[in-house]
C-alpha atoms as a PDB file:
ATOM      1  CA  MET A   1       6.122  10.835  18.738  1.00  0.00           C
ATOM      2  CA  PRO A   2       4.988  14.089  20.481  1.00  0.00           C
ATOM      3  CA  LYS A   3       1.777  13.166  23.147  1.00  0.00           C
ATOM      4  CA  ASP A   4      -0.670  15.254  20.961  1.00  0.00           C
ATOM      5  CA  LEU A   5       0.176  13.007  17.722  1.00  0.00           C
ATOM      6  CA  THR A   6      -1.797   9.953  18.897  1.00  0.00           C
ATOM      7  CA  PRO A   7      -2.646   7.447  16.399  1.00  0.00           C
ATOM      8  CA  ASN A   8      -6.578   8.794  16.509  1.00  0.00           C
ATOM      9  CA  LEU A   9      -5.360  12.435  15.648  1.00  0.00           C
ATOM     10  CA  ILE A  10      -3.418  10.425  12.855  1.00  0.00           C
ATOM     11  CA  LEU A  11      -6.532   8.469  11.782  1.00  0.00           C
ATOM     12  CA  SER A  12      -8.470  11.428  12.176  1.00  0.00           C
ATOM     13  CA  ALA A  13      -6.807  14.139   9.858  1.00  0.00           C
ATOM     14  CA  TYR A  14      -6.502  10.884   7.112  1.00  0.00           C
ATOM     15  CA  ALA A  15     -10.505  10.906   7.200  1.00  0.00           C
ATOM     16  CA  GLN A  16     -10.176  14.762   6.311  1.00  0.00           C
ATOM     17  CA  GLY A  17      -8.172  14.144   3.685  1.00  0.00           C
ATOM     18  CA  ILE A  18      -5.104  15.049   5.288  1.00  0.00           C
ATOM     19  CA  PHE A  19      -1.610  12.914   5.377  1.00  0.00           C
ATOM     20  CA  PRO A  20       1.561  14.272   6.600  1.00  0.00           C
ATOM     21  CA  MET A  21       4.918  14.581   6.036  1.00  0.00           C
ATOM     22  CA  SER A  22       8.245  16.067   6.168  1.00  0.00           C
ATOM     23  CA  GLU A  23      11.025  17.888   4.248  1.00  0.00           C
ATOM     24  CA  ALA A  24      13.676  15.295   4.181  1.00  0.00           C
ATOM     25  CA  ARG A  25      15.121  12.838   6.304  1.00  0.00           C
ATOM     26  CA  ASP A  26      16.979  15.041   8.962  1.00  0.00           C
ATOM     27  CA  ASP A  27      14.063  17.487   9.163  1.00  0.00           C
ATOM     28  CA  GLU A  28      12.553  17.654  12.864  1.00  0.00           C
ATOM     29  CA  GLY A  29       8.758  17.686  12.590  1.00  0.00           C
ATOM     30  CA  LEU A  30       6.507  17.159   9.937  1.00  0.00           C
ATOM     31  CA  PHE A  31       3.616  19.495   7.703  1.00  0.00           C
ATOM     32  CA  TRP A  32       0.022  18.658   6.791  1.00  0.00           C
ATOM     33  CA  VAL A  33      -0.766  17.644   2.896  1.00  0.00           C
ATOM     34  CA  ASP A  34      -4.340  18.245   1.344  1.00  0.00           C
ATOM     35  CA  PRO A  35      -3.108  18.257  -2.223  1.00  0.00           C
ATOM     36  CA  GLN A  36      -5.437  19.866  -4.827  1.00  0.00           C
ATOM     37  CA  THR A  37      -5.305  17.219  -7.158  1.00  0.00           C
ATOM     38  CA  ARG A  38      -4.862  13.213  -5.670  1.00  0.00           C
ATOM     39  CA  GLY A  39      -3.529  10.166  -7.038  1.00  0.00           C
ATOM     40  CA  ILE A  40      -5.860   7.141  -6.838  1.00  0.00           C
ATOM     41  CA  PHE A  41      -5.661   3.384  -8.273  1.00  0.00           C
ATOM     42  CA  PRO A  42      -9.232   2.584  -9.454  1.00  0.00           C
ATOM     43  CA  LEU A  43      -9.476  -0.941  -7.842  1.00  0.00           C
ATOM     44  CA  ASP A  44     -10.406  -2.468 -11.324  1.00  0.00           C
ATOM     45  CA  GLY A  45      -7.942  -0.673 -12.635  1.00  0.00           C
ATOM     46  CA  PHE A  46      -4.853  -1.930 -12.123  1.00  0.00           C
ATOM     47  CA  HIS A  47      -2.620  -2.714 -15.075  1.00  0.00           C
ATOM     48  CA  ILE A  48      -0.523  -5.719 -15.428  1.00  0.00           C
ATOM     49  CA  SER A  49       1.696  -6.660 -18.197  1.00  0.00           C
ATOM     50  CA  ARG A  50       1.927  -9.767 -19.798  1.00  0.00           C
ATOM     51  CA  SER A  51       5.560 -10.193 -18.774  1.00  0.00           C
ATOM     52  CA  LEU A  52       4.849  -9.052 -15.074  1.00  0.00           C
ATOM     53  CA  ARG A  53       1.785 -11.753 -15.064  1.00  0.00           C
ATOM     54  CA  LYS A  54       4.358 -14.054 -16.150  1.00  0.00           C
ATOM     55  CA  THR A  55       6.962 -13.553 -13.602  1.00  0.00           C
ATOM     56  CA  ILE A  56       3.858 -13.467 -11.113  1.00  0.00           C
ATOM     57  CA  LEU A  57       3.125 -16.944 -12.040  1.00  0.00           C
ATOM     58  CA  LYS A  58       6.664 -18.598 -11.768  1.00  0.00           C
ATOM     59  CA  GLU A  59       5.958 -17.255  -8.099  1.00  0.00           C
ATOM     60  CA  PRO A  60       9.888 -16.496  -7.333  1.00  0.00           C
ATOM     61  CA  TYR A  61       9.237 -14.776  -4.140  1.00  0.00           C
ATOM     62  CA  GLN A  62       7.585 -15.624  -0.878  1.00  0.00           C
ATOM     63  CA  ILE A  63       4.612 -12.996  -0.169  1.00  0.00           C
ATOM     64  CA  LYS A  64       3.777 -12.326   3.562  1.00  0.00           C
ATOM     65  CA  ILE A  65       1.588  -9.534   5.403  1.00  0.00           C
ATOM     66  CA  ASN A  66       2.616  -7.371   8.146  1.00  0.00           C
ATOM     67  CA  THR A  67       5.452  -9.088   9.238  1.00  0.00           C
ATOM     68  CA  ALA A  68       8.176  -6.864   9.026  1.00  0.00           C
ATOM     69  CA  PHE A  69       6.460  -3.432   8.965  1.00  0.00           C
ATOM     70  CA  GLU A  70       9.774  -1.631  10.637  1.00  0.00           C
ATOM     71  CA  ALA A  71      11.918  -3.398   7.964  1.00  0.00           C
ATOM     72  CA  VAL A  72       9.327  -2.001   4.993  1.00  0.00           C
ATOM     73  CA  ILE A  73       9.343   1.290   6.231  1.00  0.00           C
ATOM     74  CA  ASP A  74      13.429   1.377   6.365  1.00  0.00           C
ATOM     75  CA  GLY A  75      13.783   0.088   2.990  1.00  0.00           C
ATOM     76  CA  CYS A  76      11.666   2.925   1.858  1.00  0.00           C
ATOM     77  CA  ALA A  77      13.482   5.138   3.517  1.00  0.00           C
ATOM     78  CA  ASP A  78      16.846   4.198   1.680  1.00  0.00           C
ATOM     79  CA  ARG A  79      17.211   6.335  -0.657  1.00  0.00           C
ATOM     80  CA  ASP A  80      18.642   9.707  -1.233  1.00  0.00           C
ATOM     81  CA  GLU A  81      15.833  11.445  -0.904  1.00  0.00           C
ATOM     82  CA  THR A  82      13.140  10.893   1.467  1.00  0.00           C
ATOM     83  CA  TRP A  83      10.545  12.532   2.909  1.00  0.00           C
ATOM     84  CA  ILE A  84      10.101   9.974   5.984  1.00  0.00           C
ATOM     85  CA  ASN A  85      12.056  11.218   9.250  1.00  0.00           C
ATOM     86  CA  ALA A  86      12.108   9.636  12.627  1.00  0.00           C
ATOM     87  CA  GLU A  87       8.801  11.466  13.804  1.00  0.00           C
ATOM     88  CA  ILE A  88       7.152   9.987  10.959  1.00  0.00           C
ATOM     89  CA  PHE A  89       8.297   6.435  11.515  1.00  0.00           C
ATOM     90  CA  GLU A  90       7.071   6.702  14.804  1.00  0.00           C
ATOM     91  CA  ILE A  91       3.799   7.865  13.558  1.00  0.00           C
ATOM     92  CA  TYR A  92       3.636   4.477  11.125  1.00  0.00           C
ATOM     93  CA  LEU A  93       4.844   2.308  14.193  1.00  0.00           C
ATOM     94  CA  ASP A  94       2.106   3.550  16.257  1.00  0.00           C
ATOM     95  CA  LEU A  95      -0.751   3.093  13.723  1.00  0.00           C
ATOM     96  CA  PHE A  96       0.594  -0.498  13.148  1.00  0.00           C
ATOM     97  CA  ASP A  97       0.500  -1.426  16.615  1.00  0.00           C
ATOM     98  CA  ALA A  98      -3.012  -0.088  16.490  1.00  0.00           C
ATOM     99  CA  GLY A  99      -3.816  -2.245  13.646  1.00  0.00           C
ATOM    100  CA  HIS A 100      -4.497   0.476  10.921  1.00  0.00           C
ATOM    101  CA  ALA A 101      -1.107  -0.098   9.288  1.00  0.00           C
ATOM    102  CA  HIS A 102      -0.013  -2.850   7.125  1.00  0.00           C
ATOM    103  CA  SER A 103       3.223  -4.127   5.005  1.00  0.00           C
ATOM    104  CA  VAL A 104       2.858  -6.410   1.874  1.00  0.00           C
ATOM    105  CA  GLU A 105       6.550  -8.126   1.464  1.00  0.00           C
ATOM    106  CA  VAL A 106       8.520 -10.016  -0.919  1.00  0.00           C
ATOM    107  CA  TRP A 107      10.657 -12.114   0.510  1.00  0.00           C
ATOM    108  CA  ASP A 108      13.584 -14.073  -1.897  1.00  0.00           C
ATOM    109  CA  GLY A 109      14.308 -16.719   0.628  1.00  0.00           C
ATOM    110  CA  THR A 110      15.902 -14.586   3.971  1.00  0.00           C
ATOM    111  CA  GLU A 111      16.131 -11.296   2.204  1.00  0.00           C
ATOM    112  CA  LEU A 112      13.355  -8.797   2.155  1.00  0.00           C
ATOM    113  CA  VAL A 113      13.703  -7.697  -1.505  1.00  0.00           C
ATOM    114  CA  GLY A 114      10.731  -5.063  -1.859  1.00  0.00           C
ATOM    115  CA  GLY A 115       7.131  -4.119  -0.099  1.00  0.00           C
ATOM    116  CA  VAL A 116       4.744  -1.746   0.398  1.00  0.00           C
ATOM    117  CA  TYR A 117       2.623  -0.296   3.296  1.00  0.00           C
ATOM    118  CA  GLY A 118       0.242   2.405   4.153  1.00  0.00           C
ATOM    119  CA  VAL A 119      -2.576   2.825   6.464  1.00  0.00           C
ATOM    120  CA  SER A 120      -6.481   1.175   6.273  1.00  0.00           C
ATOM    121  CA  LEU A 121      -9.413   3.043   7.565  1.00  0.00           C
ATOM    122  CA  ASN A 122     -12.791   1.098   7.278  1.00  0.00           C
ATOM    123  CA  GLY A 123     -13.216   1.286   3.298  1.00  0.00           C
ATOM    124  CA  ALA A 124     -10.440   3.594   3.049  1.00  0.00           C
ATOM    125  CA  TYR A 125      -6.534   2.316   2.236  1.00  0.00           C
ATOM    126  CA  PHE A 126      -3.532   5.349   2.041  1.00  0.00           C
ATOM    127  CA  GLY A 127      -0.874   3.615   0.168  1.00  0.00           C
ATOM    128  CA  GLU A 128       2.408   5.661   1.779  1.00  0.00           C
ATOM    129  CA  SER A 129       5.556   4.230  -0.136  1.00  0.00           C
ATOM    130  CA  MET A 130       6.954   0.910  -1.761  1.00  0.00           C
ATOM    131  CA  PHE A 131      10.440   0.035  -2.761  1.00  0.00           C
ATOM    132  CA  SER A 132      12.493  -2.649  -4.683  1.00  0.00           C
ATOM    133  CA  ARG A 133      15.916  -4.242  -4.246  1.00  0.00           C
ATOM    134  CA  LYS A 134      15.280  -6.757  -6.997  1.00  0.00           C
ATOM    135  CA  ARG A 135      13.611  -6.667 -10.378  1.00  0.00           C
ATOM    136  CA  ASP A 136       9.389  -6.249 -10.372  1.00  0.00           C
ATOM    137  CA  ALA A 137       9.527  -7.007  -6.420  1.00  0.00           C
ATOM    138  CA  SER A 138       7.448  -3.273  -5.458  1.00  0.00           C
ATOM    139  CA  LYS A 139       5.191  -3.945  -8.790  1.00  0.00           C
ATOM    140  CA  ILE A 140       4.664  -7.839  -7.418  1.00  0.00           C
ATOM    141  CA  ALA A 141       3.763  -5.937  -3.725  1.00  0.00           C
ATOM    142  CA  LEU A 142       1.004  -4.119  -5.638  1.00  0.00           C
ATOM    143  CA  VAL A 143      -0.193  -6.673  -7.519  1.00  0.00           C
ATOM    144  CA  TYR A 144      -0.924  -8.691  -3.842  1.00  0.00           C
ATOM    145  CA  LEU A 145      -1.892  -5.636  -2.284  1.00  0.00           C
ATOM    146  CA  MET A 146      -4.857  -4.734  -4.752  1.00  0.00           C
ATOM    147  CA  SER A 147      -5.754  -8.458  -4.818  1.00  0.00           C
ATOM    148  CA  ARG A 148      -6.244  -7.702  -0.647  1.00  0.00           C
ATOM    149  CA  LEU A 149      -8.678  -4.572  -0.610  1.00  0.00           C
ATOM    150  CA  LYS A 150     -10.353  -6.131  -3.675  1.00  0.00           C
ATOM    151  CA  ALA A 151     -11.201  -9.312  -1.346  1.00  0.00           C
ATOM    152  CA  GLY A 152     -11.205  -7.089   2.008  1.00  0.00           C
ATOM    153  CA  GLY A 153     -13.850  -4.971   0.547  1.00  0.00           C
ATOM    154  CA  PHE A 154     -11.521  -1.476  -0.041  1.00  0.00           C
ATOM    155  CA  THR A 155     -13.568   0.991  -2.486  1.00  0.00           C
ATOM    156  CA  LEU A 156     -10.847   3.641  -2.393  1.00  0.00           C
ATOM    157  CA  PHE A 157      -6.630   3.297  -2.977  1.00  0.00           C
ATOM    158  CA  ASP A 158      -5.190   6.041  -2.260  1.00  0.00           C
ATOM    159  CA  THR A 159      -1.751   7.234  -3.732  1.00  0.00           C
ATOM    160  CA  GLN A 160      -1.447  10.678  -2.715  1.00  0.00           C
ATOM    161  CA  PHE A 161       0.511  11.739  -5.477  1.00  0.00           C
ATOM    162  CA  ILE A 162       0.960  10.395  -8.868  1.00  0.00           C
ATOM    163  CA  THR A 163       4.137   9.365 -10.846  1.00  0.00           C
ATOM    164  CA  ASP A 164       4.752   8.454 -14.037  1.00  0.00           C
ATOM    165  CA  HIS A 165       5.468   4.946 -12.388  1.00  0.00           C
ATOM    166  CA  LEU A 166       2.340   4.232 -11.139  1.00  0.00           C
ATOM    167  CA  ALA A 167       0.472   6.254 -14.281  1.00  0.00           C
ATOM    168  CA  SER A 168       1.677   2.880 -16.173  1.00  0.00           C
ATOM    169  CA  LEU A 169       0.115   0.817 -13.461  1.00  0.00           C
ATOM    170  CA  GLY A 170      -3.379   2.198 -13.950  1.00  0.00           C
ATOM    171  CA  ALA A 171      -3.248   5.100 -11.323  1.00  0.00           C
ATOM    172  CA  ILE A 172      -5.235   8.223 -12.139  1.00  0.00           C
ATOM    173  CA  GLU A 173      -5.173  11.644 -11.115  1.00  0.00           C
ATOM    174  CA  ILE A 174      -8.315  13.059  -9.744  1.00  0.00           C
ATOM    175  CA  SER A 175      -9.433  16.469  -8.087  1.00  0.00           C
ATOM    176  CA  ARG A 176      -9.590  17.085  -4.373  1.00  0.00           C
ATOM    177  CA  THR A 177     -13.356  17.096  -4.545  1.00  0.00           C
ATOM    178  CA  ARG A 178     -13.664  14.480  -6.243  1.00  0.00           C
ATOM    179  CA  TYR A 179     -11.271  12.719  -3.776  1.00  0.00           C
ATOM    180  CA  HIS A 180     -13.275  13.566  -0.990  1.00  0.00           C
ATOM    181  CA  SER A 181     -16.654  12.578  -2.320  1.00  0.00           C
ATOM    182  CA  LEU A 182     -14.877   9.061  -2.689  1.00  0.00           C
ATOM    183  CA  LEU A 183     -13.165   9.145   0.953  1.00  0.00           C
ATOM    184  CA  ARG A 184     -16.711   9.743   2.453  1.00  0.00           C
ATOM    185  CA  ASP A 185     -18.030   6.933   0.589  1.00  0.00           C
ATOM    186  CA  ALA A 186     -14.907   4.667   1.296  1.00  0.00           C
ATOM    187  CA  LEU A 187     -15.085   5.881   5.574  1.00  0.00           C
ATOM    188  CA  SER A 188     -19.127   4.042   5.432  1.00  0.00           C
ATOM    189  CA  VAL A 189     -17.759   0.893   4.195  1.00  0.00           C
ATOM    190  CA  GLU A 190     -16.607  -1.789   6.635  1.00  0.00           C
ATOM    191  CA  ALA A 191     -13.672  -3.681   5.566  1.00  0.00           C
ATOM    192  CA  ASN A 192     -11.171  -5.652   6.332  1.00  0.00           C
ATOM    193  CA  PHE A 193      -7.502  -5.918   5.145  1.00  0.00           C
ATOM    194  CA  LEU A 194      -6.511  -9.586   6.667  1.00  0.00           C
ATOM    195  CA  ARG A 195      -9.937 -10.832   5.550  1.00  0.00           C
ATOM    196  CA  GLN A 196      -7.812 -12.720   2.523  1.00  0.00           C
ATOM    197  CA  PRO A 197      -6.224 -15.312   3.729  1.00  0.00           C
ATOM    198  CA  LEU A 198      -2.441 -14.412   4.691  1.00  0.00           C
ATOM    199  CA  GLN A 199      -1.385 -16.754   2.017  1.00  0.00           C
ATOM    200  CA  VAL A 200      -2.595 -16.945  -1.755  1.00  0.00           C
ATOM    201  CA  SER A 201      -1.417 -18.385  -4.816  1.00  0.00           C
ATOM    202  CA  ALA A 202      -0.626 -16.504  -7.447  1.00  0.00           C
ATOM    203  CA  ARG A 203      -3.504 -17.704  -9.495  1.00  0.00           C
ATOM    204  CA  GLU A 204      -6.039 -16.088  -6.846  1.00  0.00           C
ATOM    205  CA  VAL A 205      -4.250 -13.029  -6.948  1.00  0.00           C
ATOM    206  CA  LEU A 206      -3.852 -12.736 -10.361  1.00  0.00           C
ATOM    207  CA  ASP A 207      -8.301 -13.838 -10.844  1.00  0.00           C
ATOM    208  CA  LEU A 208      -7.020 -17.132 -12.627  1.00  0.00           C
ATOM    209  CA  PRO A 209      -8.993 -20.286 -12.565  1.00  0.00           C
ATOM    210  CA  PRO A 210      -7.045 -23.001 -10.287  1.00  0.00           C
ATOM    211  CA  ALA A 211      -4.210 -25.420 -12.742  1.00  0.00           C
ATOM    212  CA  PRO A 212      -5.536 -28.200 -13.932  1.00  0.00           C
ATOM    213  CA  GLN A 213      -4.563 -31.446 -11.821  1.00  0.00           C
ATOM    214  CA  ILE A 214      -2.083 -34.328 -13.729  1.00  0.00           C
ATOM    215  CA  GLY A 215      -4.135 -36.886 -14.688  1.00  0.00           C
ATOM    216  CA  SER A 216      -7.340 -34.705 -14.954  1.00  0.00           C
ATOM    217  CA  GLU A 217     -10.127 -35.060 -17.753  1.00  0.00           C
END
């Protein structure tokens, strides 16, 4: 990372509603973005379909936190078109080392099959990118991320832009003015991405009561 692009500078930009991007993987440098409209996930508005809920309850994958952050970025950049260039990559590695970037990872045995990463600052979480190599892996990562944000006391989940995929899961688009208001409120909140235990059951994530024990009345 260039000497002037310190983690503190990047966090200061996020606090002002600005985030970095590049044009493509092979481009050098970056530019700053403050969109006219912003995508967010209301913390109580995530849509989990019946089929996805059934899949999560079967616990087909293992969910881990912050154990393969660099590999998650690699997975997100592994596509034909990506804004994650070498400089962006280094920025988020530095933020991870500083404790302000996190990954939720979906594992099938020893294989990383999906995940999501982003930046946390007080009560705001800025989702950066996600990827999936097996069915529903990225959706499952988002469900676990949402649970963690709620447990950690976050009030804002920023998705930057909105896509049809994110909208189908409950993301909405708001004005820049409204976003900056929500951001100011979130920055006054003390939140902790690691407040929720690293291992939680699917029923806890889905906010369901514990399964009855065999033989219990």
